[in-house]
C-alpha atoms as a PDB file:
ATOM      1  CA  MET A   1     117.491  86.182  83.927  1.00  0.00           C
ATOM      2  CA  PHE A   2     113.772  86.671  84.777  1.00  0.00           C
ATOM      3  CA  LYS A   3     112.955  90.358  84.105  1.00  0.00           C
ATOM      4  CA  HIS A   4     108.953  89.880  84.411  1.00  0.00           C
ATOM      5  CA  ILE A   5     107.141  87.031  86.193  1.00  0.00           C
ATOM      6  CA  LEU A   6     103.676  86.616  85.593  1.00  0.00           C
ATOM      7  CA  VAL A   7     101.765  84.722  88.684  1.00  0.00           C
ATOM      8  CA  ALA A   8      98.226  83.627  88.173  1.00  0.00           C
ATOM      9  CA  VAL A   9      96.034  83.485  91.161  1.00  0.00           C
ATOM     10  CA  ASP A  10      92.631  82.359  91.922  1.00  0.00           C
ATOM     11  CA  GLY A  11      92.328  82.307  95.376  1.00  0.00           C
ATOM     12  CA  SER A  12      93.089  78.738  96.191  1.00  0.00           C
ATOM     13  CA  GLU A  13      95.960  77.505  98.487  1.00  0.00           C
ATOM     14  CA  HIS A  14      97.858  76.278  95.517  1.00  0.00           C
ATOM     15  CA  SER A  15      97.678  79.803  93.988  1.00  0.00           C
ATOM     16  CA  MET A  16      99.069  81.393  97.226  1.00  0.00           C
ATOM     17  CA  HIS A  17     101.828  78.952  97.138  1.00  0.00           C
ATOM     18  CA  ALA A  18     102.776  79.898  93.722  1.00  0.00           C
ATOM     19  CA  LEU A  19     102.515  83.578  94.700  1.00  0.00           C
ATOM     20  CA  ASN A  20     104.888  82.722  97.631  1.00  0.00           C
ATOM     21  CA  THR A  21     107.232  80.983  95.414  1.00  0.00           C
ATOM     22  CA  ALA A  22     107.358  84.001  92.964  1.00  0.00           C
ATOM     23  CA  LYS A  23     107.885  86.383  95.901  1.00  0.00           C
ATOM     24  CA  THR A  24     110.810  84.383  96.913  1.00  0.00           C
ATOM     25  CA  LEU A  25     112.375  84.160  93.658  1.00  0.00           C
ATOM     26  CA  ALA A  26     111.810  88.025  92.852  1.00  0.00           C
ATOM     27  CA  VAL A  27     113.404  88.946  96.333  1.00  0.00           C
ATOM     28  CA  SER A  28     116.313  86.639  95.475  1.00  0.00           C
ATOM     29  CA  LEU A  29     116.768  88.335  92.245  1.00  0.00           C
ATOM     30  CA  GLN A  30     117.323  91.683  94.419  1.00  0.00           C
ATOM     31  CA  GLY A  31     114.886  94.144  92.729  1.00  0.00           C
ATOM     32  CA  GLU A  32     115.681  93.010  89.047  1.00  0.00           C
ATOM     33  CA  THR A  33     112.281  91.423  88.282  1.00  0.00           C
ATOM     34  CA  ALA A  34     108.918  92.862  87.883  1.00  0.00           C
ATOM     35  CA  MET A  35     105.877  91.013  88.716  1.00  0.00           C
ATOM     36  CA  THR A  36     102.114  91.076  87.428  1.00  0.00           C
ATOM     37  CA  VAL A  37      99.654  89.147  89.645  1.00  0.00           C
ATOM     38  CA  LEU A  38      96.588  88.149  87.494  1.00  0.00           C
ATOM     39  CA  HIS A  39      93.285  86.905  88.536  1.00  0.00           C
ATOM     40  CA  VAL A  40      90.969  85.499  85.745  1.00  0.00           C
ATOM     41  CA  ASN A  41      87.441  85.088  86.289  1.00  0.00           C
ATOM     42  CA  PRO A  42      86.295  82.306  84.021  1.00  0.00           C
ATOM     43  CA  SER A  43      83.643  83.193  81.693  1.00  0.00           C
ATOM     44  CA  ILE A  44      80.544  80.887  82.011  1.00  0.00           C
ATOM     45  CA  ALA A  45      78.078  81.014  79.029  1.00  0.00           C
ATOM     46  CA  MET A  46      74.672  81.963  80.565  1.00  0.00           C
ATOM     47  CA  ASN A  47      71.570  82.698  78.408  1.00  0.00           C
ATOM     48  CA  GLU A  48      70.557  85.402  81.013  1.00  0.00           C
ATOM     49  CA  PRO A  49      71.933  86.645  84.386  1.00  0.00           C
ATOM     50  CA  PRO A  50      69.962  85.991  87.304  1.00  0.00           C
ATOM     51  CA  VAL A  51      67.372  88.896  88.091  1.00  0.00           C
ATOM     52  CA  GLY A  52      68.945  91.664  90.192  1.00  0.00           C
ATOM     53  CA  VAL A  53      72.589  90.235  89.774  1.00  0.00           C
ATOM     54  CA  ASP A  54      75.087  92.669  88.135  1.00  0.00           C
ATOM     55  CA  VAL A  55      77.792  90.142  86.617  1.00  0.00           C
ATOM     56  CA  ASP A  56      80.223  92.656  86.053  1.00  0.00           C
ATOM     57  CA  ASP A  57      79.998  93.945  89.648  1.00  0.00           C
ATOM     58  CA  ARG A  58      80.378  90.446  90.966  1.00  0.00           C
ATOM     59  CA  ILE A  59      83.356  89.788  88.615  1.00  0.00           C
ATOM     60  CA  GLU A  60      85.003  92.985  89.959  1.00  0.00           C
ATOM     61  CA  GLU A  61      84.234  92.290  93.450  1.00  0.00           C
ATOM     62  CA  GLU A  62      85.768  88.614  93.354  1.00  0.00           C
ATOM     63  CA  GLY A  63      88.885  89.939  91.486  1.00  0.00           C
ATOM     64  CA  ARG A  64      89.092  92.452  94.445  1.00  0.00           C
ATOM     65  CA  HIS A  65      88.614  89.533  96.968  1.00  0.00           C
ATOM     66  CA  ILE A  66      91.258  87.660  95.436  1.00  0.00           C
ATOM     67  CA  LEU A  67      93.778  90.256  94.671  1.00  0.00           C
ATOM     68  CA  GLU A  68      93.836  92.011  98.151  1.00  0.00           C
ATOM     69  CA  PRO A  69      95.500  89.285 100.053  1.00  0.00           C
ATOM     70  CA  ALA A  70      97.843  88.840  97.186  1.00  0.00           C
ATOM     71  CA  ALA A  71      98.895  92.608  97.432  1.00  0.00           C
ATOM     72  CA  ASP A  72      99.061  92.292 101.150  1.00  0.00           C
ATOM     73  CA  LEU A  73     101.617  89.531 100.769  1.00  0.00           C
ATOM     74  CA  LEU A  74     103.878  91.582  98.490  1.00  0.00           C
ATOM     75  CA  ALA A  75     103.660  94.785 100.442  1.00  0.00           C
ATOM     76  CA  GLY A  76     106.970  95.898 101.635  1.00  0.00           C
ATOM     77  CA  SER A  77     108.864  93.327  99.875  1.00  0.00           C
ATOM     78  CA  GLY A  78     110.672  95.634  97.846  1.00  0.00           C
ATOM     79  CA  ILE A  79     109.368  93.983  94.478  1.00  0.00           C
ATOM     80  CA  THR A  80     107.917  96.073  91.739  1.00  0.00           C
ATOM     81  CA  TYR A  81     104.263  94.474  91.031  1.00  0.00           C
ATOM     82  CA  GLU A  82     100.948  95.427  89.476  1.00  0.00           C
ATOM     83  CA  MET A  83      97.599  93.508  90.098  1.00  0.00           C
ATOM     84  CA  ALA A  84      95.264  92.666  87.086  1.00  0.00           C
ATOM     85  CA  ALA A  85      91.969  91.099  86.924  1.00  0.00           C
ATOM     86  CA  ALA A  86      90.329  89.723  83.905  1.00  0.00           C
ATOM     87  CA  HIS A  87      87.601  87.405  82.787  1.00  0.00           C
ATOM     88  CA  GLY A  88      87.619  84.801  79.825  1.00  0.00           C
ATOM     89  CA  ASN A  89      89.087  81.557  79.255  1.00  0.00           C
ATOM     90  CA  PRO A  90      91.623  81.371  82.148  1.00  0.00           C
ATOM     91  CA  ALA A  91      94.393  79.585  80.231  1.00  0.00           C
ATOM     92  CA  GLU A  92      94.061  81.765  76.958  1.00  0.00           C
ATOM     93  CA  VAL A  93      94.073  85.033  79.137  1.00  0.00           C
ATOM     94  CA  ILE A  94      97.118  83.768  81.182  1.00  0.00           C
ATOM     95  CA  CYS A  95      99.054  83.212  77.834  1.00  0.00           C
ATOM     96  CA  GLN A  96      97.807  86.358  76.357  1.00  0.00           C
ATOM     97  CA  ALA A  97      98.896  88.416  79.329  1.00  0.00           C
ATOM     98  CA  ALA A  98     102.329  86.622  79.350  1.00  0.00           C
ATOM     99  CA  ARG A  99     102.771  87.797  75.642  1.00  0.00           C
ATOM    100  CA  GLU A 100     101.540  91.206  76.261  1.00  0.00           C
ATOM    101  CA  LYS A 101     103.616  91.708  79.451  1.00  0.00           C
ATOM    102  CA  ASN A 102     106.722  90.006  77.754  1.00  0.00           C
ATOM    103  CA  ALA A 103     106.734  87.589  80.680  1.00  0.00           C
ATOM    104  CA  ASP A 104     109.889  85.397  81.064  1.00  0.00           C
ATOM    105  CA  LEU A 105     108.418  83.075  83.438  1.00  0.00           C
ATOM    106  CA  ILE A 106     104.727  82.247  84.379  1.00  0.00           C
ATOM    107  CA  ILE A 107     104.093  80.681  87.859  1.00  0.00           C
ATOM    108  CA  MET A 108     100.910  79.201  89.000  1.00  0.00           C
ATOM    109  CA  GLY A 109      99.346  76.485  91.350  1.00  0.00           C
ATOM    110  CA  THR A 110      98.775  72.894  89.899  1.00  0.00           C
ATOM    111  CA  ARG A 111      95.163  72.921  90.935  1.00  0.00           C
ATOM    112  CA  GLY A 112      92.670  75.576  90.926  1.00  0.00           C
ATOM    113  CA  HIS A 113      90.226  76.686  93.379  1.00  0.00           C
ATOM    114  CA  SER A 114      88.196  73.646  93.377  1.00  0.00           C
ATOM    115  CA  LEU A 115      88.427  70.253  91.940  1.00  0.00           C
ATOM    116  CA  VAL A 116      84.834  70.536  90.384  1.00  0.00           C
ATOM    117  CA  LYS A 117      85.886  73.847  88.611  1.00  0.00           C
ATOM    118  CA  GLU A 118      88.995  72.055  87.307  1.00  0.00           C
ATOM    119  CA  MET A 119      87.094  69.212  85.859  1.00  0.00           C
ATOM    120  CA  LEU A 120      84.440  71.517  84.305  1.00  0.00           C
ATOM    121  CA  LEU A 121      86.884  73.885  82.828  1.00  0.00           C
ATOM    122  CA  GLY A 122      89.693  71.473  82.052  1.00  0.00           C
ATOM    123  CA  SER A 123      93.201  71.741  83.388  1.00  0.00           C
ATOM    124  CA  VAL A 124      94.095  75.427  83.422  1.00  0.00           C
ATOM    125  CA  SER A 125      97.826  74.633  84.123  1.00  0.00           C
ATOM    126  CA  HIS A 126      98.144  71.975  81.494  1.00  0.00           C
ATOM    127  CA  SER A 127      96.672  74.055  78.973  1.00  0.00           C
ATOM    128  CA  VAL A 128      98.967  77.101  80.030  1.00  0.00           C
ATOM    129  CA  ILE A 129     102.018  74.817  79.901  1.00  0.00           C
ATOM    130  CA  ALA A 130     101.086  73.649  76.253  1.00  0.00           C
ATOM    131  CA  HIS A 131     100.414  77.094  74.923  1.00  0.00           C
ATOM    132  CA  ALA A 132     102.497  79.384  77.067  1.00  0.00           C
ATOM    133  CA  PRO A 133     105.157  81.781  75.170  1.00  0.00           C
ATOM    134  CA  CYS A 134     107.698  81.345  78.041  1.00  0.00           C
ATOM    135  CA  PRO A 135     108.407  78.709  80.739  1.00  0.00           C
ATOM    136  CA  VAL A 136     105.952  77.692  83.170  1.00  0.00           C
ATOM    137  CA  LEU A 137     106.674  76.942  86.651  1.00  0.00           C
ATOM    138  CA  THR A 138     103.871  75.041  88.425  1.00  0.00           C
ATOM    139  CA  VAL A 139     103.659  74.854  92.472  1.00  0.00           C
ATOM    140  CA  LYS A 140     101.777  72.300  94.548  1.00  0.00           C
END
């Protein structure tokens, strides 16, 4: 039934629970499911980056920091997976990635990395639910 699962992670406890749920589901499907684990670094409009800060390097570093524990969780599970990092509007990027990967299911946490971030950016999970091209499973 689920040939490709897209899992959105941001390093939060909720997103790691979502990844665990995706892993359990994929393992129960006995190797018939591929998975994409996606981290989206939100684009924040700035007039100029702080002096001496390479924004692209910081975004790449954050992506590695968040995706490494996810890869560790999936290592040795027998699941076919890929790690991906992007930046932009998280809900838009997640939905676009689901379309591009022909995902049958998106799994994500119900809350982001911080409540403050969620209030500033709006609820990513609510927006994904409203615009996703496939079913969305949210995990507390």
